[in-house]
Amino acid sequence: MSAPYEATSHEGFSHDSIDSLAYDWERVAAPDIAPKRPFQVYFPETTSEVVEAITSLASRGKSFKIRSKGHSSNDLVLEHRGNVICMQQMTAIKGFDAEGGTVTVQSGAVLSDVDDFLAKRGWGLPIIGDHNHITAGGFAAVGGISPASHRHGMFLDNVIALEYVTLEGVVRRLNAKADRDEFHAVLGSTGQLGIITELTLRTIRVDKYGTILKNDRLIVHDVDEYVQRTAEFIRAPGDEVLMERGVWMNLPLAGREVNIGQFSAYRDAPQTPGAKLVDRVAYGYLHGLGNIAGRLPTGIDEAVKYMGMLGIIFSPRFATMKNVERFTDKVLDSSVGDPTRMFIILAPAKSYEAIFHELYTICQRYRSETGCFSFISIYVKAIRSQYLSQSYLGQPHRDQPGPIEPFCELMLYAGIKPKAMTREVLDRFVSDIDDLTIAQGAFRYMHSRTVKDTERRRRIDPNTYYADRFSLPHSASVLRSSAE
């Protein structure tokens, strides 16, 4: 195993400063946004200290927000002059059970660190985020998706047990089978029931740094052809596909629109010196772009970003599993060039074509009418998630998993023209995306911006089904909290 590569997709700002507590991922889209500075911040290191913080606030009738690294952009972790319980000091890896194939961590543990801990022992996490600052509790609180989600589901599908502190300050330890309703209500709930403090996670035998995969790559220039052909991968990726991801890009360059779509299906490959050399050279170049991004003069930085985007389209023919997992994070810098916004729809695979086309049409219409977007890209991944499927079908979790309704992620990642993307335009655009989501029976990934209306929000939140099955404590209506 080689040493992990330390890169970040946002050289322009840090997660670990006092100033960062006043911001979330929204500042990527609006760099001049006003800070929302909390009045009181707690940094617990143990579950008992989480209990102490919650009970202290509750005794004074105070609400709070939960955060770790602040990757959300849906008003989940900020409260101006309010109270924040920050989990980023609860980073312990508490135990690894090789016989049972599980690892137990505190919720503030950074998943890339956990994966490197496991890698030294010949194991790994089935699902890990592509940012190197994502924490276990934050990922579990929203879902968690990776290029392996068509095989292993969402991150929360791989949680075996958890500990959380309720809004009354009561410690609850839950098992996926014994405490089904409460367990699945807590996962994906964005912290509305309390604070996750510890998780036991499924692990797999794998060498992510050493195993080379072959990239069977599709590249097309017509959006209709792209959607038609990628639909096959989304609905039936095949057992031999170990990882997969794709992106459609519309780039305005020199007065013209450049349209190109890419989809990569990664399969087992002979572990030859040639394949390893391609991976080493190609990703050395791409990671080099990512490493210098955010550290150069503005014009050069923007050119490097577009070079990185081309590197994603023409992704290397061979790659280690780790390079596939953290591809975009180590190549692109979101704090360079045009500000960017991210909106994510979790779509039933049977509605993939309709939702993709309508989402793309909405984006083009807004760009034509308001000039609020520069480039438009839509990233796609297949998902086979029991959690999503049973929410969609309205079926409770069983001892034996039932049939799974296939899903996919459609992540809109778009360049923003700040003067044109006014608050009114943004609110209207978000409302149109959520209307599309509701009309197609899909869900939103709730850490990306959604409407505020309670009833519409219930219809797009995959956690609603589980929350309804588990009776919320009375205090949840009084002391609302949110997670990264």
Protein backbone atom coordinates (compact mmCIF):
# COMPACT_ATOMS: atom_id res chain seq x y z
CA MET A 1 0.00 0.00 0.00
CA SER A 2 1.38 3.41 -0.92
CA ALA A 3 1.07 6.41 1.35
CA PRO A 4 -2.27 8.22 1.01
CA TYR A 5 -2.26 11.37 -1.07
CA GLU A 6 -3.22 14.50 0.85
CA ALA A 7 -5.22 16.75 -1.48
CA THR A 8 -8.32 18.84 -1.13
CA SER A 9 -11.02 19.99 -3.51
CA HIS A 10 -11.14 23.42 -1.87
CA GLU A 11 -7.72 24.96 -1.36
CA GLY A 12 -9.45 28.34 -1.00
CA PHE A 13 -10.75 27.63 2.48
CA SER A 14 -10.22 25.38 5.48
CA HIS A 15 -12.55 23.27 7.62
CA ASP A 16 -10.35 23.61 10.66
CA SER A 17 -10.25 27.31 11.53
CA ILE A 18 -12.41 29.33 13.90
CA ASP A 19 -13.59 31.32 10.90
CA SER A 20 -14.85 28.14 9.18
CA LEU A 21 -17.50 27.70 11.90
CA ALA A 22 -19.38 30.62 10.33
CA TYR A 23 -19.70 28.90 6.93
CA ASP A 24 -20.85 25.71 5.24
CA TRP A 25 -20.51 24.44 1.65
CA GLU A 26 -22.66 27.38 0.48
CA ARG A 27 -19.60 29.60 0.30
CA VAL A 28 -18.33 27.54 -2.66
CA ALA A 29 -21.34 28.90 -4.58
CA ALA A 30 -21.35 32.34 -2.96
CA PRO A 31 -17.80 33.27 -1.89
CA ASP A 32 -18.93 36.68 -0.61
CA ILE A 33 -21.74 35.30 1.52
CA ALA A 34 -22.08 36.87 4.97
CA PRO A 35 -20.82 34.66 7.81
CA LYS A 36 -23.23 33.19 10.35
CA ARG A 37 -21.10 33.16 13.45
CA PRO A 38 -22.32 31.02 16.34
CA PHE A 39 -22.35 32.43 19.85
CA GLN A 40 -21.49 29.21 21.64
CA VAL A 41 -19.66 26.16 20.26
CA TYR A 42 -19.17 22.86 22.07
CA PHE A 43 -16.33 20.50 21.13
CA PRO A 44 -17.14 17.22 22.91
CA GLU A 45 -14.61 14.39 22.87
CA THR A 46 -16.78 11.73 24.52
CA THR A 47 -20.40 10.65 24.54
CA SER A 48 -20.77 11.85 28.14
CA GLU A 49 -19.67 15.33 27.05
CA VAL A 50 -22.31 15.27 24.27
CA VAL A 51 -24.89 14.44 26.95
CA GLU A 52 -23.60 17.31 29.09
CA ALA A 53 -23.84 19.78 26.19
CA ILE A 54 -27.37 18.74 25.20
CA THR A 55 -28.75 18.74 28.75
CA SER A 56 -27.15 22.11 29.48
CA LEU A 57 -28.80 23.63 26.42
CA ALA A 58 -32.12 21.89 27.04
CA SER A 59 -32.26 23.15 30.64
CA ARG A 60 -32.14 26.71 29.26
CA GLY A 61 -34.60 26.04 26.45
CA LYS A 62 -31.91 26.55 23.81
CA SER A 63 -31.85 24.94 20.38
CA PHE A 64 -28.65 23.86 18.63
CA LYS A 65 -27.14 22.74 15.36
CA ILE A 66 -24.79 19.80 14.83
CA ARG A 67 -21.76 20.00 12.57
CA SER A 68 -18.46 18.39 11.89
CA LYS A 69 -16.76 19.62 8.70
CA GLY A 70 -19.72 21.56 7.26
CA HIS A 71 -20.14 19.94 3.82
CA SER A 72 -23.87 20.65 3.61
CA SER A 73 -25.50 23.62 1.89
CA ASN A 74 -29.10 23.33 3.10
CA ASP A 75 -29.01 25.46 6.26
CA LEU A 76 -28.26 22.40 8.38
CA VAL A 77 -25.19 23.42 10.38
CA LEU A 78 -25.33 27.21 10.80
CA GLU A 79 -27.19 29.43 13.24
CA HIS A 80 -26.13 33.05 13.57
CA ARG A 81 -25.38 33.83 17.23
CA GLY A 82 -26.80 30.41 18.09
CA ASN A 83 -25.41 27.21 19.55
CA VAL A 84 -23.40 24.56 17.73
CA ILE A 85 -22.24 21.15 18.90
CA CYS A 86 -19.20 20.38 16.76
CA MET A 87 -18.24 16.71 16.51
CA GLN A 88 -14.86 17.05 14.83
CA GLN A 89 -12.90 16.14 17.98
CA MET A 90 -14.66 12.75 18.34
CA THR A 91 -12.31 10.97 15.94
CA ALA A 92 -11.37 7.74 17.71
CA ILE A 93 -11.29 4.38 15.94
CA LYS A 94 -12.51 2.31 18.87
CA GLY A 95 -12.11 -1.22 17.58
CA PHE A 96 -11.66 -3.46 14.54
CA ASP A 97 -13.18 -6.94 14.47
CA ALA A 98 -11.55 -8.90 11.63
CA GLU A 99 -13.60 -12.01 12.39
CA GLY A 100 -16.88 -10.12 12.22
CA GLY A 101 -15.70 -7.75 9.48
CA THR A 102 -16.62 -4.56 11.34
CA VAL A 103 -14.96 -1.40 12.60
CA THR A 104 -16.34 0.85 15.36
CA VAL A 105 -15.62 4.58 15.23
CA GLN A 106 -16.69 7.80 16.87
CA SER A 107 -18.92 9.88 14.61
CA GLY A 108 -16.33 12.59 13.99
CA ALA A 109 -13.83 10.11 12.52
CA VAL A 110 -12.82 11.15 9.00
CA LEU A 111 -13.67 8.25 6.71
CA SER A 112 -10.50 8.55 4.63
CA ASP A 113 -8.53 8.09 7.87
CA VAL A 114 -10.65 5.07 8.81
CA ASP A 115 -10.13 3.58 5.36
CA ASP A 116 -6.35 4.04 5.62
CA PHE A 117 -6.41 2.38 9.06
CA LEU A 118 -8.24 -0.58 7.51
CA ALA A 119 -6.01 -0.65 4.42
CA LYS A 120 -2.97 -1.44 6.57
CA ARG A 121 -4.83 -4.58 7.68
CA GLY A 122 -6.06 -5.63 4.22
CA TRP A 123 -9.60 -4.31 4.64
CA GLY A 124 -11.63 -1.29 3.57
CA LEU A 125 -14.98 0.48 3.79
CA PRO A 126 -17.44 -0.57 1.05
CA ILE A 127 -18.66 3.04 0.64
CA ILE A 128 -16.59 6.15 1.23
CA GLY A 129 -17.08 9.76 0.12
CA ASP A 130 -14.88 11.42 -2.49
CA HIS A 131 -13.96 14.33 -0.18
CA ASN A 132 -11.12 13.66 2.24
CA HIS A 133 -12.86 15.47 5.12
CA ILE A 134 -16.17 13.56 5.27
CA THR A 135 -16.95 12.17 8.72
CA ALA A 136 -18.74 8.97 9.66
CA GLY A 137 -21.59 10.70 11.51
CA GLY A 138 -22.12 13.31 8.81
CA PHE A 139 -22.20 10.69 6.04
CA ALA A 140 -24.60 8.47 7.99
CA ALA A 141 -26.86 11.44 8.72
CA VAL A 142 -27.44 12.14 5.02
CA GLY A 143 -26.92 8.78 3.27
CA GLY A 144 -23.54 8.53 1.56
CA ILE A 145 -22.88 7.55 -2.08
CA SER A 146 -19.79 6.29 -3.95
CA PRO A 147 -18.89 4.67 -7.30
CA ALA A 148 -19.47 1.31 -5.58
CA SER A 149 -23.06 2.12 -4.52
CA HIS A 150 -24.48 -0.07 -7.29
CA ARG A 151 -22.99 -3.01 -5.35
CA HIS A 152 -22.91 -1.94 -1.71
CA GLY A 153 -25.71 0.60 -1.40
CA MET A 154 -25.37 3.85 0.47
CA PHE A 155 -23.01 4.38 3.40
CA LEU A 156 -25.91 4.09 5.83
CA ASP A 157 -26.80 0.65 4.37
CA ASN A 158 -23.45 -0.49 5.77
CA VAL A 159 -24.03 0.66 9.35
CA ILE A 160 -24.46 -2.36 11.66
CA ALA A 161 -25.05 -0.57 14.96
CA LEU A 162 -24.97 2.95 16.34
CA GLU A 163 -25.03 5.02 19.47
CA TYR A 164 -26.78 8.38 19.64
CA VAL A 165 -27.83 10.92 22.23
CA THR A 166 -31.48 11.97 22.06
CA LEU A 167 -32.61 15.57 22.33
CA GLU A 168 -33.39 14.88 25.98
CA GLY A 169 -29.78 13.82 26.57
CA VAL A 170 -30.48 10.08 26.77
CA VAL A 171 -27.87 7.70 25.33
CA ARG A 172 -29.40 5.08 23.02
CA ARG A 173 -27.50 2.12 21.55
CA LEU A 174 -29.24 0.57 18.55
CA ASN A 175 -28.81 -2.52 16.41
CA ALA A 176 -29.99 -2.76 12.81
CA LYS A 177 -32.08 -5.87 13.50
CA ALA A 178 -33.17 -5.54 17.11
CA ASP A 179 -34.16 -1.84 16.96
CA ARG A 180 -35.25 -1.57 13.33
CA ASP A 181 -37.64 1.37 13.36
CA GLU A 182 -35.60 3.67 15.59
CA PHE A 183 -32.30 2.60 13.96
CA HIS A 184 -33.43 3.45 10.45
CA ALA A 185 -35.17 6.65 11.59
CA VAL A 186 -31.90 7.96 13.03
CA LEU A 187 -29.88 7.15 9.88
CA GLY A 188 -30.41 9.70 7.14
CA SER A 189 -32.34 12.00 9.49
CA THR A 190 -29.92 14.98 9.31
CA GLY A 191 -29.81 14.92 13.11
CA GLN A 192 -33.48 15.51 13.77
CA LEU A 193 -33.60 12.87 16.52
CA GLY A 194 -30.32 13.73 18.19
CA ILE A 195 -26.56 13.34 17.77
CA ILE A 196 -24.93 10.18 16.45
CA THR A 197 -21.85 9.57 18.61
CA GLU A 198 -20.61 6.14 17.52
CA LEU A 199 -21.08 3.75 14.59
CA THR A 200 -20.18 0.13 13.88
CA LEU A 201 -19.55 -0.26 10.15
CA ARG A 202 -19.34 -3.20 7.77
CA THR A 203 -15.94 -3.70 6.16
CA ILE A 204 -14.73 -5.79 3.22
CA ARG A 205 -11.52 -7.60 2.32
CA VAL A 206 -9.90 -5.39 -0.31
CA ASP A 207 -6.63 -3.77 -1.41
CA LYS A 208 -7.83 -0.38 -2.66
CA TYR A 209 -4.34 1.06 -3.16
CA GLY A 210 -2.96 -1.96 -4.99
CA THR A 211 -5.81 -3.45 -7.05
CA ILE A 212 -5.90 -2.15 -10.62
CA LEU A 213 -9.24 -1.93 -12.45
CA LYS A 214 -9.83 -1.58 -16.19
CA ASN A 215 -11.93 1.40 -17.28
CA ASP A 216 -14.39 0.45 -20.02
CA ARG A 217 -15.13 4.00 -21.07
CA LEU A 218 -18.01 5.39 -23.10
CA ILE A 219 -17.62 8.84 -24.72
CA VAL A 220 -20.42 10.43 -26.77
CA HIS A 221 -21.33 13.95 -27.91
CA ASP A 222 -25.12 13.69 -28.20
CA VAL A 223 -27.13 14.01 -25.00
CA ASP A 224 -29.93 11.72 -26.19
CA GLU A 225 -27.44 8.99 -27.03
CA TYR A 226 -25.68 9.53 -23.72
CA VAL A 227 -28.85 9.10 -21.68
CA GLN A 228 -29.99 6.11 -23.71
CA ARG A 229 -26.70 4.25 -23.40
CA THR A 230 -26.00 5.06 -19.75
CA ALA A 231 -29.50 3.89 -18.81
CA GLU A 232 -28.29 0.36 -19.47
CA PHE A 233 -25.51 0.72 -16.88
CA ILE A 234 -27.82 2.42 -14.39
CA ARG A 235 -30.47 -0.33 -14.52
CA ALA A 236 -28.29 -3.41 -14.99
CA PRO A 237 -24.60 -2.75 -14.34
CA GLY A 238 -23.73 -6.46 -14.16
CA ASP A 239 -21.95 -8.39 -11.44
CA GLU A 240 -18.56 -7.95 -13.09
CA VAL A 241 -18.67 -4.14 -12.77
CA LEU A 242 -16.94 -3.25 -9.52
CA MET A 243 -17.26 0.54 -9.71
CA GLU A 244 -18.97 2.96 -12.08
CA ARG A 245 -19.52 6.66 -12.61
CA GLY A 246 -20.34 9.05 -15.43
CA VAL A 247 -20.76 12.71 -16.28
CA TRP A 248 -22.41 14.79 -19.01
CA MET A 249 -20.80 18.21 -19.54
CA ASN A 250 -21.95 21.29 -21.41
CA LEU A 251 -19.08 23.79 -21.57
CA PRO A 252 -19.39 27.25 -23.16
CA LEU A 253 -16.04 27.85 -24.85
CA ALA A 254 -15.10 30.61 -27.31
CA GLY A 255 -18.74 31.46 -28.07
CA ARG A 256 -19.72 27.85 -28.65
CA GLU A 257 -21.18 25.05 -26.54
CA VAL A 258 -19.05 21.94 -26.22
CA ASN A 259 -21.13 18.88 -25.35
CA ILE A 260 -19.51 15.65 -24.21
CA GLY A 261 -20.56 12.73 -22.06
CA GLN A 262 -18.49 10.05 -20.40
CA PHE A 263 -19.33 6.89 -18.47
CA SER A 264 -16.81 4.54 -16.89
CA ALA A 265 -17.51 0.94 -15.88
CA TYR A 266 -14.56 -0.46 -13.92
CA ARG A 267 -13.89 -4.20 -14.07
CA ASP A 268 -11.18 -6.56 -12.85
CA ALA A 269 -7.94 -6.29 -14.81
CA PRO A 270 -4.75 -8.35 -15.03
CA GLN A 271 -2.34 -6.87 -12.50
CA THR A 272 0.38 -6.29 -15.10
CA PRO A 273 3.29 -3.85 -14.86
CA GLY A 274 1.86 -1.99 -17.86
CA ALA A 275 -1.51 -1.43 -16.20
CA LYS A 276 0.18 -0.24 -13.02
CA LEU A 277 2.38 2.12 -15.01
CA VAL A 278 -0.63 3.66 -16.79
CA ASP A 279 -2.32 4.24 -13.44
CA ARG A 280 0.81 5.73 -11.88
CA VAL A 281 1.63 8.07 -14.75
CA ALA A 282 -1.94 9.16 -15.60
CA TYR A 283 -3.05 9.76 -12.05
CA GLY A 284 0.26 11.33 -11.17
CA TYR A 285 -0.49 13.94 -13.83
CA LEU A 286 -4.12 14.43 -12.75
CA HIS A 287 -3.28 14.60 -9.07
CA GLY A 288 -0.56 17.09 -9.93
CA LEU A 289 -3.24 19.32 -11.45
CA GLY A 290 -5.33 18.97 -8.32
CA ASN A 291 -2.38 19.67 -6.08
CA ILE A 292 -1.54 23.01 -7.73
CA ALA A 293 -5.18 24.06 -8.21
CA GLY A 294 -6.08 26.94 -5.94
CA ARG A 295 -2.46 28.05 -5.58
CA LEU A 296 -1.91 29.81 -8.92
CA PRO A 297 -2.82 33.20 -10.43
CA THR A 298 -6.51 33.37 -11.34
CA GLY A 299 -6.27 32.90 -15.11
CA ILE A 300 -3.86 29.98 -14.84
CA ASP A 301 -5.92 28.42 -12.04
CA GLU A 302 -9.04 28.44 -14.24
CA ALA A 303 -7.11 26.85 -17.12
CA VAL A 304 -5.88 24.12 -14.76
CA LYS A 305 -9.46 23.49 -13.64
CA TYR A 306 -10.62 22.98 -17.24
CA MET A 307 -7.67 20.67 -17.82
CA GLY A 308 -8.84 18.69 -14.81
CA MET A 309 -12.39 18.53 -16.19
CA LEU A 310 -11.01 17.15 -19.45
CA GLY A 311 -9.05 14.63 -17.38
CA ILE A 312 -12.32 13.44 -15.86
CA ILE A 313 -13.90 13.03 -19.28
CA PHE A 314 -10.90 11.19 -20.73
CA SER A 315 -10.30 9.24 -17.54
CA PRO A 316 -7.34 6.82 -17.60
CA ARG A 317 -7.81 3.27 -18.90
CA PHE A 318 -6.46 1.74 -15.68
CA ALA A 319 -6.92 2.92 -12.11
CA THR A 320 -6.59 1.66 -8.57
CA MET A 321 -9.83 1.36 -6.64
CA LYS A 322 -8.71 4.22 -4.41
CA ASN A 323 -8.13 6.49 -7.40
CA VAL A 324 -11.66 5.75 -8.66
CA GLU A 325 -13.18 6.44 -5.24
CA ARG A 326 -11.58 9.86 -4.84
CA PHE A 327 -11.27 10.82 -8.49
CA THR A 328 -12.90 14.27 -8.64
CA ASP A 329 -11.77 15.39 -5.18
CA LYS A 330 -8.11 14.98 -6.09
CA VAL A 331 -8.41 16.52 -9.57
CA LEU A 332 -10.84 19.46 -9.29
CA ASP A 333 -10.84 22.42 -6.90
CA SER A 334 -14.33 23.81 -6.31
CA SER A 335 -12.91 27.08 -4.98
CA VAL A 336 -11.25 27.86 -8.35
CA GLY A 337 -12.89 29.65 -11.29
CA ASP A 338 -16.64 30.17 -11.42
CA PRO A 339 -18.36 29.52 -8.09
CA THR A 340 -20.19 26.19 -8.24
CA ARG A 341 -23.45 24.83 -6.92
CA MET A 342 -24.43 21.21 -6.39
CA PHE A 343 -27.96 19.81 -6.41
CA ILE A 344 -28.63 16.08 -6.09
CA ILE A 345 -31.68 14.02 -7.07
CA LEU A 346 -31.95 10.39 -5.97
CA ALA A 347 -34.00 8.97 -8.82
CA PRO A 348 -35.71 5.62 -9.32
CA ALA A 349 -33.73 4.00 -12.14
CA LYS A 350 -36.93 3.51 -14.15
CA SER A 351 -37.31 7.31 -14.25
CA TYR A 352 -33.67 8.02 -15.09
CA GLU A 353 -34.21 9.20 -18.67
CA ALA A 354 -37.18 11.44 -17.87
CA ILE A 355 -35.51 13.07 -14.86
CA PHE A 356 -32.16 13.56 -16.61
CA HIS A 357 -33.73 15.24 -19.65
CA GLU A 358 -36.02 17.45 -17.59
CA LEU A 359 -33.23 18.48 -15.21
CA TYR A 360 -30.98 19.35 -18.14
CA THR A 361 -33.79 21.28 -19.84
CA ILE A 362 -34.46 23.29 -16.67
CA CYS A 363 -30.77 24.21 -16.42
CA GLN A 364 -30.58 25.29 -20.06
CA ARG A 365 -33.75 27.35 -19.70
CA TYR A 366 -32.44 29.20 -16.65
CA ARG A 367 -29.12 29.87 -18.35
CA SER A 368 -30.90 31.22 -21.43
CA GLU A 369 -33.38 33.36 -19.49
CA THR A 370 -31.19 34.65 -16.65
CA GLY A 371 -27.55 33.91 -17.51
CA CYS A 372 -27.12 32.37 -14.05
CA PHE A 373 -25.04 29.37 -15.20
CA SER A 374 -21.77 29.02 -17.08
CA PHE A 375 -20.93 25.32 -17.45
CA ILE A 376 -23.51 22.62 -16.70
CA SER A 377 -22.53 19.09 -15.73
CA ILE A 378 -24.59 16.17 -14.48
CA TYR A 379 -22.78 13.33 -12.71
CA VAL A 380 -24.50 9.95 -12.55
CA LYS A 381 -24.05 6.85 -10.40
CA ALA A 382 -26.18 3.74 -9.95
CA ILE A 383 -27.40 2.87 -6.43
CA ARG A 384 -28.74 -0.42 -5.05
CA SER A 385 -29.87 0.69 -1.59
CA GLN A 386 -32.21 -1.19 0.70
CA TYR A 387 -32.77 2.05 2.63
CA LEU A 388 -33.87 4.01 -0.47
CA SER A 389 -35.80 1.12 -1.94
CA GLN A 390 -37.88 0.44 1.13
CA SER A 391 -38.62 4.12 1.62
CA TYR A 392 -39.75 4.30 -2.01
CA LEU A 393 -41.82 1.10 -1.85
CA GLY A 394 -43.12 1.75 1.67
CA GLN A 395 -41.87 -1.59 2.95
CA PRO A 396 -40.36 -2.08 6.41
CA HIS A 397 -36.86 -3.49 6.80
CA ARG A 398 -37.00 -7.25 7.15
CA ASP A 399 -34.72 -9.92 8.59
CA GLN A 400 -34.19 -11.03 5.01
CA PRO A 401 -33.84 -8.14 2.51
CA GLY A 402 -36.68 -7.91 0.02
CA PRO A 403 -36.44 -6.98 -3.66
CA ILE A 404 -34.50 -3.77 -4.19
CA GLU A 405 -35.82 -1.02 -6.44
CA PRO A 406 -32.76 0.31 -8.30
CA PHE A 407 -31.96 4.00 -7.91
CA CYS A 408 -29.40 6.40 -9.28
CA GLU A 409 -27.78 9.66 -8.28
CA LEU A 410 -28.09 12.65 -10.61
CA MET A 411 -25.77 15.33 -9.28
CA LEU A 412 -26.02 18.69 -10.99
CA TYR A 413 -22.67 20.48 -10.64
CA ALA A 414 -22.93 23.87 -12.31
CA GLY A 415 -20.84 27.01 -12.65
CA ILE A 416 -22.55 30.10 -11.24
CA LYS A 417 -22.62 33.70 -12.45
CA PRO A 418 -23.13 35.40 -9.07
CA LYS A 419 -24.69 38.62 -10.38
CA ALA A 420 -27.31 36.68 -12.33
CA MET A 421 -27.96 34.04 -9.66
CA THR A 422 -29.95 36.28 -7.35
CA ARG A 423 -31.70 34.89 -4.29
CA GLU A 424 -35.01 35.05 -6.18
CA VAL A 425 -33.60 33.11 -9.15
CA LEU A 426 -32.00 30.52 -6.87
CA ASP A 427 -35.21 29.96 -4.88
CA ARG A 428 -37.20 29.57 -8.09
CA PHE A 429 -34.66 27.16 -9.56
CA VAL A 430 -34.62 25.02 -6.40
CA SER A 431 -38.42 24.97 -6.38
CA ASP A 432 -38.48 23.75 -9.99
CA ILE A 433 -36.03 20.94 -9.18
CA ASP A 434 -38.12 19.87 -6.22
CA ASP A 435 -41.31 19.97 -8.31
CA LEU A 436 -39.59 17.68 -10.81
CA THR A 437 -38.52 15.38 -7.98
CA ILE A 438 -42.05 15.16 -6.60
CA ALA A 439 -43.64 14.64 -10.02
CA GLN A 440 -41.32 11.71 -10.74
CA GLY A 441 -41.61 10.10 -7.30
CA ALA A 442 -37.93 10.66 -6.61
CA PHE A 443 -36.01 11.94 -3.57
CA ARG A 444 -33.53 14.73 -2.95
CA TYR A 445 -30.19 14.23 -1.22
CA MET A 446 -31.06 16.46 1.71
CA HIS A 447 -27.65 18.02 2.34
CA SER A 448 -27.94 19.91 -0.97
CA ARG A 449 -30.31 22.89 -1.12
CA THR A 450 -34.05 22.15 -1.16
CA VAL A 451 -37.28 24.08 -0.61
CA LYS A 452 -38.13 25.11 2.95
CA ASP A 453 -41.84 24.31 2.82
CA THR A 454 -42.43 21.51 5.34
CA GLU A 455 -44.96 19.49 3.35
CA ARG A 456 -43.04 19.60 0.06
CA ARG A 457 -39.84 18.80 1.94
CA ARG A 458 -41.44 15.72 3.48
CA ARG A 459 -42.27 14.44 0.01
CA ILE A 460 -38.67 14.63 -1.22
CA ASP A 461 -36.91 13.38 1.93
CA PRO A 462 -36.23 9.59 1.91
CA ASN A 463 -36.12 9.65 5.71
CA THR A 464 -39.79 10.66 5.98
CA TYR A 465 -40.98 7.05 5.73
CA TYR A 466 -38.72 5.93 8.57
CA ALA A 467 -39.48 8.95 10.74
CA ASP A 468 -43.20 8.26 10.38
CA ARG A 469 -42.73 4.63 11.43
CA PHE A 470 -40.81 5.71 14.52
CA SER A 471 -42.72 8.06 16.79
CA LEU A 472 -40.63 11.22 17.28
CA PRO A 473 -40.04 12.21 20.90
CA HIS A 474 -42.05 15.27 21.94
CA SER A 475 -38.88 17.31 22.38
CA ALA A 476 -38.06 16.94 18.68
CA SER A 477 -40.75 19.49 17.91
CA VAL A 478 -39.23 21.89 20.42
CA LEU A 479 -35.48 21.46 20.11
CA ARG A 480 -34.82 20.82 16.42
CA SER A 481 -31.25 19.99 15.53
CA SER A 482 -29.48 19.27 12.26
CA ALA A 483 -26.41 17.35 11.11
CA GLU A 484 -23.80 17.77 8.40
